[in-house]
Structure formats: C-alpha cells, structure tokens
Amino acid sequence: NEAAEAAKYEIRFNMNSLSKSLDLNYDQQKAVGDIMNMFASDMTNAAAASGNERAALRKKAVNRDLAYMRAVLEPEQYRTYVMLLNTTLNNRGFKKYEINLSTFRTTLTEHCPD
C-alpha cells in the first residue's frame, strides 16, 4: 500500500521531549530544532520518490541528519540521539545506524530490508 509506505516517512518530533532526553542547552535546542525540521522535509521528499530513488533519498536524509547532529551535539548526546533514531527507523522497518564513538563516525549497517 503506497499510503502506508509514505506514512513511514512522516517525521514528527516533540522538541520538549527530545530536549530533555538529550539535555540540550538553549543554543543546541535551536540548532536541533532546525536540523529536525530539515530532516522531516528531506524524508517527505524521499516519500514522494519511488523505488530505488526513495531508498537513496532516505539514506541521504538520514546521513545528513546524523552529520549535522554530530556537529551540534556532544558525544554522549549524539549517542543518545542515534539510539533514538535507530529505534524510530527500526520501528518503521528501515535500516539501522550504529555509532562508533572511538572514531566518532556513524556507519550504516544492514538491519532490515528496504
């Protein structure tokens, strides 16, 4: 069902909950809010695509989100954020991301089929 597939891409977030979970300071709250709005927009664009393009746009959206979050968050905050994102993506049947904090890089690992 196309509608159900597109719904998987709808990103909603509660900034208050996210701020508390990540223990964000004021400047981080603004930056994270902007990044999350961009991620939601990128995922909406991915949902509008089809087939392989949809998967590629989703991967690009997640990678950009993670790169921006990595630039804004402290390592422990980033670890928590990646855990939250993993849970969200996993619950939607998407791929899982894992973080290696020793090199502070995020790598994509196969978790669920596209």
Protein backbone atom coordinates (compact mmCIF):
# COMPACT_ATOMS: atom_id res chain seq x y z
CA ASN A 1 0.00 0.00 0.00
CA GLU A 2 1.52 3.26 -1.18
CA ALA A 3 -0.14 5.35 1.55
CA ALA A 4 1.22 3.11 4.30
CA GLU A 5 4.70 3.23 2.77
CA ALA A 6 4.61 7.04 2.55
CA ALA A 7 3.42 7.25 6.17
CA LYS A 8 6.63 5.52 7.28
CA TYR A 9 8.48 8.62 6.11
CA GLU A 10 6.45 11.10 8.11
CA ILE A 11 8.71 12.51 10.79
CA ARG A 12 7.15 14.14 13.82
CA PHE A 13 9.08 15.07 16.90
CA ASN A 14 8.36 16.63 20.25
CA MET A 15 11.11 19.18 20.81
CA ASN A 16 10.46 19.31 24.57
CA SER A 17 10.90 15.56 24.93
CA LEU A 18 13.92 15.49 22.66
CA SER A 19 15.48 18.41 24.52
CA LYS A 20 15.02 16.64 27.85
CA SER A 21 16.27 13.29 26.52
CA LEU A 22 19.41 14.91 25.13
CA ASP A 23 19.82 17.51 27.90
CA LEU A 24 20.18 20.27 25.31
CA ASN A 25 21.28 23.78 26.15
CA TYR A 26 19.48 26.77 24.63
CA ASP A 27 21.73 27.06 21.56
CA GLN A 28 21.52 23.33 20.91
CA GLN A 29 17.72 23.42 21.15
CA LYS A 30 17.53 25.93 18.31
CA ALA A 31 20.04 24.07 16.15
CA VAL A 32 18.46 20.65 16.78
CA GLY A 33 15.00 22.04 16.01
CA ASP A 34 16.26 23.37 12.69
CA ILE A 35 18.00 20.08 11.87
CA MET A 36 14.89 18.07 12.72
CA ASN A 37 12.72 20.30 10.51
CA MET A 38 15.19 19.78 7.66
CA PHE A 39 15.17 16.01 8.29
CA ALA A 40 11.36 15.94 8.22
CA SER A 41 11.40 17.83 4.92
CA ASP A 42 14.05 15.52 3.44
CA MET A 43 12.03 12.46 4.46
CA THR A 44 8.87 13.95 2.90
CA ASN A 45 10.81 14.39 -0.33
CA ALA A 46 12.01 10.79 -0.11
CA ALA A 47 8.45 9.57 0.40
CA ALA A 48 7.40 11.29 -2.83
CA ALA A 49 10.05 9.38 -4.82
CA SER A 50 9.73 5.81 -5.98
CA GLY A 51 11.73 2.60 -5.77
CA ASN A 52 15.49 2.89 -5.58
CA GLU A 53 15.34 6.68 -5.62
CA ARG A 54 13.19 6.62 -2.48
CA ALA A 55 15.72 4.43 -0.65
CA ALA A 56 18.62 6.60 -1.83
CA LEU A 57 16.91 9.81 -0.72
CA ARG A 58 16.07 8.26 2.65
CA LYS A 59 19.68 7.24 3.17
CA LYS A 60 20.84 10.73 2.15
CA ALA A 61 18.34 12.33 4.56
CA VAL A 62 19.48 10.17 7.47
CA ASN A 63 23.16 10.70 6.71
CA ARG A 64 22.71 14.47 6.51
CA ASP A 65 20.70 14.48 9.75
CA LEU A 66 23.40 12.49 11.52
CA ALA A 67 26.20 14.67 10.18
CA TYR A 68 24.51 17.85 11.36
CA MET A 69 23.60 16.35 14.73
CA ARG A 70 27.18 15.16 15.18
CA ALA A 71 28.35 18.75 14.64
CA VAL A 72 25.92 20.17 17.24
CA LEU A 73 25.80 17.52 19.97
CA GLU A 74 28.36 16.33 22.49
CA PRO A 75 29.42 12.67 22.10
CA GLU A 76 27.07 11.37 24.82
CA GLN A 77 24.16 13.40 23.46
CA TYR A 78 24.93 12.12 19.97
CA ARG A 79 25.00 8.52 21.21
CA THR A 80 21.55 9.02 22.76
CA TYR A 81 20.24 10.67 19.61
CA VAL A 82 21.48 7.82 17.42
CA MET A 83 19.78 5.35 19.76
CA LEU A 84 16.51 7.26 19.43
CA LEU A 85 16.86 7.49 15.67
CA ASN A 86 17.73 3.77 15.45
CA THR A 87 14.56 2.94 17.36
CA THR A 88 12.44 5.13 15.12
CA LEU A 89 13.91 3.78 11.90
CA ASN A 90 13.82 0.20 13.13
CA ASN A 91 10.16 0.51 14.15
CA ARG A 92 9.42 1.69 10.63
CA GLY A 93 11.31 -1.19 9.03
CA PHE A 94 14.26 0.90 7.84
CA LYS A 95 17.97 0.31 8.18
CA LYS A 96 19.75 0.65 11.48
CA TYR A 97 22.62 3.01 12.11
CA GLU A 98 25.38 2.31 14.58
CA ILE A 99 27.86 4.72 16.02
CA ASN A 100 31.50 4.13 16.78
CA LEU A 101 32.33 6.82 19.32
CA SER A 102 36.02 5.95 19.36
CA THR A 103 36.27 7.40 15.85
CA PHE A 104 33.07 9.46 16.19
CA ARG A 105 31.81 8.18 12.86
CA THR A 106 28.44 6.77 12.02
CA THR A 107 28.21 3.74 9.80
CA LEU A 108 25.25 2.20 8.07
CA THR A 109 24.71 -1.48 8.74
CA GLU A 110 22.18 -3.72 7.10
CA HIS A 111 19.40 -4.33 9.58
CA CYS A 112 16.10 -4.54 7.73
CA PRO A 113 15.39 -4.90 4.04
CA ASP A 114 14.30 -1.79 2.14
